[in-house]
N, C-alpha and C. Protein backbone atom coordinates (compact mmCIF):
# COMPACT_ATOMS: atom_id res chain seq x y z
N MET A 1 7.97 -26.54 110.98
CA MET A 1 7.71 -26.21 112.37
C MET A 1 8.32 -27.28 113.28
N TYR A 2 8.30 -28.53 112.85
CA TYR A 2 8.74 -29.64 113.69
C TYR A 2 10.20 -29.50 114.12
N ASN A 3 11.05 -29.01 113.25
CA ASN A 3 12.47 -28.90 113.56
C ASN A 3 12.86 -27.51 114.06
N SER A 4 11.90 -26.70 114.45
CA SER A 4 12.16 -25.33 114.88
C SER A 4 12.57 -25.28 116.34
N THR A 5 13.25 -24.19 116.70
CA THR A 5 13.59 -23.91 118.09
C THR A 5 12.47 -23.13 118.76
N PHE A 6 11.84 -22.24 118.01
CA PHE A 6 10.69 -21.46 118.46
C PHE A 6 9.92 -21.04 117.23
N PHE A 7 8.78 -20.41 117.44
CA PHE A 7 7.94 -20.04 116.31
C PHE A 7 7.48 -18.61 116.46
N ILE A 8 7.61 -17.82 115.40
CA ILE A 8 7.13 -16.43 115.39
C ILE A 8 5.84 -16.40 114.58
N PHE A 9 4.77 -15.86 115.17
CA PHE A 9 3.46 -15.81 114.53
C PHE A 9 3.15 -14.42 114.04
N PHE A 10 2.58 -14.33 112.86
CA PHE A 10 2.01 -13.08 112.39
C PHE A 10 0.50 -13.11 112.63
N PHE A 11 -0.01 -14.25 113.03
CA PHE A 11 -1.39 -14.46 113.43
C PHE A 11 -1.36 -15.60 114.43
N THR A 12 -2.44 -15.87 115.11
CA THR A 12 -2.39 -16.83 116.21
C THR A 12 -3.01 -18.18 115.86
N GLY A 13 -3.22 -18.47 114.60
CA GLY A 13 -3.90 -19.69 114.20
C GLY A 13 -3.14 -20.98 114.42
N THR A 14 -1.87 -20.93 114.67
CA THR A 14 -1.10 -22.16 114.81
C THR A 14 -0.53 -22.34 116.22
N ILE A 15 -1.09 -21.68 117.19
CA ILE A 15 -0.62 -21.82 118.57
C ILE A 15 -0.78 -23.25 119.05
N ALA A 16 -1.90 -23.87 118.74
CA ALA A 16 -2.12 -25.25 119.18
C ALA A 16 -1.03 -26.18 118.64
N GLU A 17 -0.68 -26.01 117.38
CA GLU A 17 0.35 -26.85 116.79
C GLU A 17 1.71 -26.58 117.45
N ALA A 18 2.04 -25.33 117.67
CA ALA A 18 3.30 -24.99 118.31
C ALA A 18 3.37 -25.56 119.72
N ALA A 19 2.28 -25.44 120.47
CA ALA A 19 2.26 -25.97 121.84
C ALA A 19 2.45 -27.48 121.84
N THR A 20 1.77 -28.16 120.93
CA THR A 20 1.90 -29.60 120.84
C THR A 20 3.34 -30.02 120.58
N LEU A 21 4.06 -29.23 119.80
CA LEU A 21 5.46 -29.53 119.50
C LEU A 21 6.42 -28.96 120.53
N GLY A 22 5.90 -28.24 121.52
CA GLY A 22 6.76 -27.67 122.56
C GLY A 22 7.57 -26.48 122.09
N LEU A 23 7.00 -25.69 121.19
CA LEU A 23 7.72 -24.53 120.68
C LEU A 23 7.29 -23.26 121.39
N PRO A 24 8.24 -22.54 121.99
CA PRO A 24 7.93 -21.20 122.48
C PRO A 24 7.47 -20.33 121.31
N VAL A 25 6.57 -19.39 121.57
CA VAL A 25 6.01 -18.60 120.48
C VAL A 25 6.17 -17.09 120.72
N MET A 26 6.38 -16.39 119.63
CA MET A 26 6.36 -14.93 119.64
C MET A 26 5.21 -14.54 118.72
N MET A 27 4.19 -13.94 119.28
CA MET A 27 3.02 -13.51 118.50
C MET A 27 3.18 -12.04 118.16
N THR A 28 2.86 -11.71 116.92
CA THR A 28 3.05 -10.33 116.47
C THR A 28 1.74 -9.63 116.11
N SER A 29 0.64 -10.39 116.04
CA SER A 29 -0.67 -9.80 115.79
C SER A 29 -1.75 -10.83 116.09
N TYR A 30 -2.98 -10.38 116.17
CA TYR A 30 -4.11 -11.28 116.37
C TYR A 30 -5.39 -10.54 116.00
N LEU A 31 -6.44 -11.28 115.76
CA LEU A 31 -7.74 -10.67 115.48
C LEU A 31 -8.45 -10.43 116.81
N PRO A 32 -8.71 -9.19 117.16
CA PRO A 32 -9.38 -8.90 118.43
C PRO A 32 -10.69 -9.68 118.54
N GLY A 33 -10.96 -10.17 119.73
CA GLY A 33 -12.17 -10.94 119.97
C GLY A 33 -11.96 -12.39 119.60
N GLN A 34 -11.78 -12.65 118.31
CA GLN A 34 -11.67 -14.02 117.82
C GLN A 34 -10.43 -14.74 118.34
N GLU A 35 -9.30 -14.07 118.37
CA GLU A 35 -8.05 -14.72 118.73
C GLU A 35 -7.44 -14.23 120.04
N ALA A 36 -8.10 -13.30 120.70
CA ALA A 36 -7.54 -12.74 121.94
C ALA A 36 -7.32 -13.82 122.99
N GLY A 37 -8.21 -14.80 123.05
CA GLY A 37 -8.06 -15.88 124.02
C GLY A 37 -6.81 -16.69 123.78
N ASN A 38 -6.41 -16.83 122.52
CA ASN A 38 -5.18 -17.56 122.21
C ASN A 38 -3.96 -16.84 122.78
N VAL A 39 -3.96 -15.53 122.66
CA VAL A 39 -2.87 -14.74 123.22
C VAL A 39 -2.82 -14.93 124.72
N ASP A 40 -3.98 -14.90 125.36
CA ASP A 40 -4.04 -15.08 126.81
C ASP A 40 -3.47 -16.43 127.22
N ILE A 41 -3.79 -17.48 126.48
CA ILE A 41 -3.29 -18.82 126.81
C ILE A 41 -1.76 -18.84 126.81
N VAL A 42 -1.18 -18.25 125.79
CA VAL A 42 0.29 -18.22 125.70
C VAL A 42 0.88 -17.42 126.85
N LEU A 43 0.33 -16.24 127.10
CA LEU A 43 0.90 -15.38 128.14
C LEU A 43 0.67 -15.95 129.54
N GLU A 44 -0.53 -16.45 129.81
CA GLU A 44 -0.84 -17.00 131.14
C GLU A 44 -0.03 -18.25 131.45
N ASN A 45 0.30 -19.01 130.42
CA ASN A 45 1.07 -20.23 130.61
C ASN A 45 2.57 -20.03 130.38
N ASP A 46 2.95 -18.80 130.08
CA ASP A 46 4.35 -18.38 130.02
C ASP A 46 5.20 -19.21 129.05
N PHE A 47 4.65 -19.48 127.85
CA PHE A 47 5.48 -20.14 126.87
C PHE A 47 5.67 -19.28 125.62
N GLY A 48 5.51 -17.98 125.79
CA GLY A 48 5.73 -17.06 124.68
C GLY A 48 5.43 -15.64 125.07
N ALA A 49 5.43 -14.79 124.06
CA ALA A 49 5.21 -13.36 124.28
C ALA A 49 4.44 -12.78 123.10
N TYR A 50 3.89 -11.60 123.33
CA TYR A 50 3.22 -10.85 122.28
C TYR A 50 3.91 -9.50 122.16
N ASN A 51 4.20 -9.10 120.92
CA ASN A 51 4.75 -7.78 120.67
C ASN A 51 4.53 -7.46 119.19
N ASP A 52 4.21 -6.23 118.89
CA ASP A 52 4.01 -5.86 117.49
C ASP A 52 5.06 -4.85 117.00
N LYS A 53 6.11 -4.69 117.79
CA LYS A 53 7.19 -3.76 117.41
C LYS A 53 8.41 -4.57 116.96
N PRO A 54 8.77 -4.48 115.67
CA PRO A 54 9.83 -5.34 115.12
C PRO A 54 11.15 -5.33 115.90
N ILE A 55 11.61 -4.18 116.32
CA ILE A 55 12.89 -4.12 117.05
C ILE A 55 12.77 -4.85 118.39
N GLU A 56 11.66 -4.66 119.08
CA GLU A 56 11.46 -5.34 120.37
C GLU A 56 11.28 -6.84 120.18
N ILE A 57 10.64 -7.23 119.09
CA ILE A 57 10.51 -8.66 118.78
C ILE A 57 11.90 -9.27 118.60
N ALA A 58 12.73 -8.61 117.82
CA ALA A 58 14.08 -9.11 117.58
C ALA A 58 14.87 -9.20 118.88
N GLN A 59 14.74 -8.20 119.73
CA GLN A 59 15.47 -8.21 121.00
C GLN A 59 15.01 -9.36 121.89
N LYS A 60 13.70 -9.59 121.95
CA LYS A 60 13.15 -10.65 122.79
C LYS A 60 13.58 -12.03 122.28
N VAL A 61 13.46 -12.24 120.98
CA VAL A 61 13.83 -13.53 120.41
C VAL A 61 15.34 -13.77 120.56
N THR A 62 16.13 -12.74 120.39
CA THR A 62 17.58 -12.85 120.60
C THR A 62 17.88 -13.26 122.03
N ALA A 63 17.17 -12.65 122.98
CA ALA A 63 17.37 -13.01 124.39
C ALA A 63 17.00 -14.47 124.63
N TRP A 64 15.91 -14.92 124.02
CA TRP A 64 15.53 -16.34 124.15
C TRP A 64 16.64 -17.24 123.62
N LEU A 65 17.16 -16.92 122.43
CA LEU A 65 18.17 -17.76 121.81
C LEU A 65 19.47 -17.80 122.61
N LYS A 66 19.74 -16.76 123.37
CA LYS A 66 20.95 -16.72 124.19
C LYS A 66 20.77 -17.44 125.53
N ASP A 67 19.55 -17.90 125.82
CA ASP A 67 19.27 -18.54 127.10
C ASP A 67 18.61 -19.91 126.87
N PRO A 68 19.43 -20.94 126.62
CA PRO A 68 18.89 -22.27 126.34
C PRO A 68 18.00 -22.81 127.46
N GLU A 69 18.33 -22.50 128.71
CA GLU A 69 17.50 -22.99 129.81
C GLU A 69 16.11 -22.35 129.78
N LEU A 70 16.04 -21.06 129.48
CA LEU A 70 14.75 -20.39 129.35
C LEU A 70 13.94 -21.02 128.22
N CYS A 71 14.59 -21.27 127.09
CA CYS A 71 13.90 -21.91 125.96
C CYS A 71 13.38 -23.29 126.37
N ALA A 72 14.18 -24.03 127.12
CA ALA A 72 13.76 -25.36 127.58
C ALA A 72 12.57 -25.26 128.51
N GLN A 73 12.58 -24.28 129.42
CA GLN A 73 11.44 -24.08 130.32
C GLN A 73 10.18 -23.72 129.54
N MET A 74 10.32 -22.81 128.59
CA MET A 74 9.18 -22.40 127.78
C MET A 74 8.65 -23.58 126.97
N SER A 75 9.56 -24.40 126.48
CA SER A 75 9.16 -25.58 125.72
C SER A 75 8.36 -26.54 126.59
N ARG A 76 8.81 -26.77 127.82
CA ARG A 76 8.06 -27.66 128.74
C ARG A 76 6.68 -27.09 129.04
N ARG A 77 6.60 -25.78 129.21
CA ARG A 77 5.30 -25.15 129.47
C ARG A 77 4.37 -25.29 128.27
N ALA A 78 4.93 -25.15 127.07
CA ALA A 78 4.12 -25.29 125.85
C ALA A 78 3.57 -26.72 125.75
N VAL A 79 4.42 -27.71 126.00
CA VAL A 79 3.99 -29.11 125.93
C VAL A 79 2.88 -29.37 126.94
N ALA A 80 2.98 -28.77 128.11
CA ALA A 80 1.96 -28.97 129.15
C ALA A 80 0.59 -28.45 128.70
N VAL A 81 0.59 -27.44 127.85
CA VAL A 81 -0.66 -26.86 127.36
C VAL A 81 -1.14 -27.57 126.09
N GLY A 82 -0.23 -28.11 125.31
CA GLY A 82 -0.56 -28.73 124.03
C GLY A 82 -1.48 -29.93 124.18
N ARG A 83 -2.30 -30.12 123.19
CA ARG A 83 -3.23 -31.25 123.13
C ARG A 83 -3.01 -31.97 121.80
N PRO A 84 -2.04 -32.89 121.75
CA PRO A 84 -1.69 -33.51 120.47
C PRO A 84 -2.81 -34.36 119.86
N ASN A 85 -3.75 -34.79 120.65
CA ASN A 85 -4.84 -35.63 120.13
C ASN A 85 -6.14 -34.85 119.94
N ALA A 86 -6.07 -33.55 119.95
CA ALA A 86 -7.29 -32.73 119.90
C ALA A 86 -8.13 -33.02 118.66
N ALA A 87 -7.52 -33.12 117.50
CA ALA A 87 -8.31 -33.37 116.28
C ALA A 87 -9.02 -34.71 116.35
N ALA A 88 -8.32 -35.74 116.82
CA ALA A 88 -8.94 -37.07 116.95
C ALA A 88 -10.07 -37.03 117.98
N ASP A 89 -9.86 -36.31 119.08
CA ASP A 89 -10.91 -36.19 120.10
C ASP A 89 -12.16 -35.52 119.54
N ILE A 90 -11.97 -34.51 118.71
CA ILE A 90 -13.11 -33.82 118.09
C ILE A 90 -13.87 -34.77 117.17
N VAL A 91 -13.14 -35.53 116.38
CA VAL A 91 -13.79 -36.49 115.48
C VAL A 91 -14.59 -37.52 116.28
N ILE A 92 -14.01 -38.01 117.36
CA ILE A 92 -14.72 -38.97 118.21
C ILE A 92 -15.99 -38.34 118.79
N ASP A 93 -15.89 -37.11 119.26
CA ASP A 93 -17.07 -36.42 119.81
C ASP A 93 -18.16 -36.25 118.75
N ILE A 94 -17.77 -35.89 117.55
CA ILE A 94 -18.75 -35.72 116.47
C ILE A 94 -19.40 -37.07 116.15
N GLY A 95 -18.59 -38.11 116.06
CA GLY A 95 -19.13 -39.44 115.78
C GLY A 95 -20.06 -39.92 116.87
N THR A 96 -19.69 -39.68 118.12
CA THR A 96 -20.53 -40.08 119.25
C THR A 96 -21.85 -39.33 119.21
N SER A 97 -21.80 -38.03 118.92
CA SER A 97 -23.02 -37.23 118.83
C SER A 97 -23.90 -37.71 117.68
N ALA A 98 -23.28 -38.02 116.54
CA ALA A 98 -24.05 -38.49 115.39
C ALA A 98 -24.72 -39.82 115.70
N ASN A 99 -24.00 -40.72 116.35
CA ASN A 99 -24.60 -42.01 116.71
C ASN A 99 -25.73 -41.84 117.71
N ALA A 100 -25.56 -40.97 118.67
CA ALA A 100 -26.63 -40.71 119.64
C ALA A 100 -27.85 -40.14 118.93
N TRP A 101 -27.65 -39.25 117.98
CA TRP A 101 -28.76 -38.68 117.22
C TRP A 101 -29.51 -39.78 116.49
N LYS A 102 -28.74 -40.70 115.86
CA LYS A 102 -29.39 -41.78 115.11
C LYS A 102 -30.21 -42.67 116.03
N VAL A 103 -29.70 -42.94 117.22
CA VAL A 103 -30.45 -43.77 118.18
C VAL A 103 -31.75 -43.07 118.56
N LEU A 104 -31.68 -41.79 118.82
CA LEU A 104 -32.86 -41.03 119.24
C LEU A 104 -33.86 -40.83 118.10
N ASN A 105 -33.40 -40.80 116.86
CA ASN A 105 -34.26 -40.46 115.73
C ASN A 105 -34.46 -41.61 114.74
N GLY A 106 -34.02 -42.77 115.06
CA GLY A 106 -34.20 -43.91 114.17
C GLY A 106 -33.10 -44.00 113.15
N ASN A 107 -32.60 -45.18 112.96
CA ASN A 107 -31.48 -45.39 112.04
C ASN A 107 -31.83 -45.11 110.58
N SER A 108 -33.10 -45.13 110.24
CA SER A 108 -33.46 -44.94 108.83
C SER A 108 -33.52 -43.46 108.45
N LYS A 109 -33.56 -42.59 109.43
CA LYS A 109 -33.65 -41.16 109.11
C LYS A 109 -32.27 -40.56 108.94
N ARG A 110 -32.21 -39.57 108.10
CA ARG A 110 -31.00 -38.78 107.97
C ARG A 110 -31.24 -37.45 108.65
N MET A 111 -30.21 -36.83 109.12
CA MET A 111 -30.36 -35.54 109.80
C MET A 111 -31.04 -34.53 108.89
N THR A 112 -30.79 -34.64 107.59
CA THR A 112 -31.38 -33.67 106.66
C THR A 112 -32.86 -33.93 106.41
N ASP A 113 -33.38 -35.11 106.83
CA ASP A 113 -34.79 -35.42 106.64
C ASP A 113 -35.68 -34.92 107.78
N VAL A 114 -35.09 -34.49 108.85
CA VAL A 114 -35.84 -34.07 110.02
C VAL A 114 -36.22 -32.59 109.91
N GLU A 115 -37.44 -32.29 110.25
CA GLU A 115 -37.86 -30.88 110.28
C GLU A 115 -37.40 -30.26 111.58
N TRP A 116 -36.69 -29.19 111.47
CA TRP A 116 -36.18 -28.50 112.66
C TRP A 116 -37.15 -27.46 113.02
């Protein structure tokens, strides 16, 4: 993915990674409800497209490849949406929450020892 010009998705699970790398995306399917928001992010921020028709996908991607300036614009838009430190931020949030829990519940207790 790192050395790609753009990324074609058969599912939307790697949009965050593509955005972080500044890759325009072509999405070809998604799980309704669960992944619909991911499609919206790409379309609203204009760094990709959604289509499930193979011929139209090929035409769209071909048009992108013939327009380097468009690809560069889409890449900049993707980078603007990307969050390269998201995983580290999540770990920090979990650690902060765990430490706060320990302060509130005593350092000697484990979360599994508390009756919920």
